[in-house]
Protein backbone atom coordinates (compact mmCIF):
# COMPACT_ATOMS: atom_id res chain seq x y z
CA GLN A 1 14.48 -12.17 -8.15
CA VAL A 2 10.77 -12.74 -7.74
CA GLN A 3 8.15 -10.01 -7.87
CA LEU A 4 4.80 -10.51 -6.07
CA VAL A 5 1.85 -8.38 -7.16
CA GLU A 6 -1.42 -8.61 -5.23
CA SER A 7 -4.93 -7.63 -6.38
CA GLY A 8 -8.49 -7.98 -5.19
CA GLY A 9 -8.56 -5.90 -1.94
CA GLY A 10 -11.28 -3.42 -1.20
CA MET A 11 -14.14 -2.63 1.03
CA VAL A 12 -17.00 -4.98 1.87
CA GLN A 13 -19.69 -5.20 4.47
CA ALA A 14 -19.57 -7.78 7.22
CA GLY A 15 -20.75 -11.19 5.96
CA GLY A 16 -19.53 -10.44 2.54
CA SER A 17 -16.71 -12.08 0.43
CA LEU A 18 -13.59 -11.02 -1.29
CA THR A 19 -11.01 -12.83 -3.36
CA LEU A 20 -7.36 -11.85 -3.27
CA ALA A 21 -4.83 -12.91 -5.84
CA CYS A 22 -1.09 -12.72 -5.95
CA ALA A 23 0.89 -13.34 -9.04
CA ALA A 24 4.63 -14.17 -8.83
CA SER A 25 6.80 -13.29 -11.76
CA GLY A 26 10.54 -13.14 -12.55
CA SER A 27 12.72 -16.10 -11.63
CA THR A 28 10.00 -18.34 -10.15
CA PHE A 29 11.84 -21.67 -10.30
CA GLY A 30 12.14 -23.15 -6.83
CA ILE A 31 9.23 -21.30 -5.24
CA ASN A 32 7.89 -23.45 -2.35
CA HIS A 33 5.57 -21.83 0.10
CA MET A 34 3.11 -19.13 -0.94
CA ALA A 35 1.14 -17.50 1.76
CA TRP A 36 -1.02 -14.59 2.92
CA TYR A 37 -0.23 -12.50 5.94
CA ARG A 38 -2.16 -9.56 7.35
CA GLN A 39 -1.39 -6.70 9.61
CA ALA A 40 -4.05 -4.60 11.29
CA PRO A 41 -3.26 -1.17 12.73
CA GLY A 42 -1.39 -1.48 16.02
CA LEU A 43 -0.99 -5.20 15.76
CA GLN A 44 1.77 -7.55 14.59
CA ARG A 45 1.68 -9.16 11.18
CA GLU A 46 0.20 -12.56 11.36
CA LEU A 47 -0.01 -15.57 9.10
CA VAL A 48 -3.51 -15.99 7.55
CA ALA A 49 -2.98 -19.02 5.29
CA GLU A 50 -0.13 -20.90 3.69
CA CYS A 51 0.17 -23.37 0.79
CA ASP A 52 3.25 -25.33 -0.24
CA GLU A 53 4.00 -26.59 -3.72
CA ASP A 54 2.52 -29.98 -2.87
CA GLY A 55 -0.80 -28.40 -1.93
CA ARG A 56 -0.53 -28.74 1.79
CA VAL A 57 -2.29 -25.87 3.54
CA ARG A 58 -2.64 -24.44 6.96
CA TYR A 59 -4.73 -21.62 8.31
CA ALA A 60 -4.85 -19.27 11.31
CA GLY A 61 -7.50 -20.42 13.71
CA SER A 62 -9.40 -17.15 13.31
CA VAL A 63 -10.04 -17.80 9.61
CA GLN A 64 -10.35 -21.53 9.53
CA ASP A 65 -13.65 -22.52 7.79
CA ARG A 66 -14.10 -18.98 6.34
CA PHE A 67 -11.02 -18.50 4.11
CA THR A 68 -9.65 -20.82 1.48
CA ILE A 69 -6.19 -20.63 -0.02
CA SER A 70 -5.44 -22.15 -3.38
CA ARG A 71 -2.68 -21.85 -5.94
CA ASP A 72 -2.04 -22.31 -9.63
CA ASN A 73 1.43 -23.87 -9.72
CA ALA A 74 1.71 -23.43 -13.50
CA LYS A 75 1.06 -19.71 -13.34
CA PHE A 76 2.53 -19.11 -9.81
CA ILE A 77 -0.65 -17.47 -8.62
CA VAL A 78 -1.99 -17.83 -5.13
CA TYR A 79 -5.58 -17.00 -4.21
CA LEU A 80 -7.33 -16.23 -0.92
CA GLN A 81 -11.06 -16.67 -1.01
CA MET A 82 -12.48 -14.85 2.04
CA ASN A 83 -16.07 -15.53 3.05
CA SER A 84 -18.12 -14.43 5.98
CA LEU A 85 -15.83 -11.48 6.49
CA LYS A 86 -15.81 -9.76 9.89
CA PRO A 87 -14.72 -6.28 10.85
CA GLU A 88 -11.79 -7.81 12.65
CA ASP A 89 -10.53 -9.13 9.28
CA THR A 90 -9.74 -5.53 8.37
CA ALA A 91 -6.06 -5.31 7.63
CA VAL A 92 -3.40 -4.97 4.94
CA TYR A 93 -3.04 -8.36 3.42
CA SER A 94 0.45 -9.22 2.00
CA CYS A 95 1.55 -12.11 -0.22
CA PHE A 96 4.59 -14.00 0.77
CA ALA A 97 6.73 -16.54 -1.10
CA ASP A 98 9.89 -18.43 -0.35
CA GLN A 99 12.26 -19.88 -2.85
CA LEU A 100 14.84 -22.62 -2.39
CA ILE A 101 17.87 -22.24 -4.65
CA ASP A 102 21.32 -23.77 -4.04
CA LYS A 103 20.38 -24.91 -0.54
CA GLY A 104 19.47 -21.39 0.46
CA THR A 105 16.05 -19.86 1.03
CA THR A 106 15.06 -16.41 -0.11
CA THR A 107 11.79 -14.77 0.94
CA TYR A 108 9.77 -12.21 -0.94
CA TRP A 109 6.86 -10.00 -0.07
CA GLY A 110 4.24 -8.16 -2.04
CA GLN A 111 3.43 -4.57 -1.36
CA GLY A 112 0.11 -5.37 0.28
CA THR A 113 -3.55 -4.77 -0.42
CA GLN A 114 -6.03 -3.17 1.92
CA VAL A 115 -9.14 -5.11 3.00
CA THR A 116 -11.69 -3.18 4.93
CA VAL A 117 -14.78 -4.85 6.39
CA SER A 118 -17.50 -2.49 7.69
CA SER A 119 -20.10 -3.50 10.34
């Protein structure tokens, strides 16, 4: 079992910055992708940014060039640096991880952290 705990959410004015962190603990062997998703009220959850264990990243088009995902593989922590925040970035941000063990993949989610961007 893997536990994901997020931190760093909060309220910020448009144009500001926030950094989210997600720490994985428990049986972390085999963790591959770590990612951030978000869900705004009334909308579907969407991928924000993803990073695999080799450092390959991908971003949603709406956050490209504003957000940066990074991870510390030794500590199993993934960060999301969010710059130039916009009101439309307001959402609950959730950490995601997948783990490959015995040819099977298990997925894990954090409980989420609220990010609110005021205009």
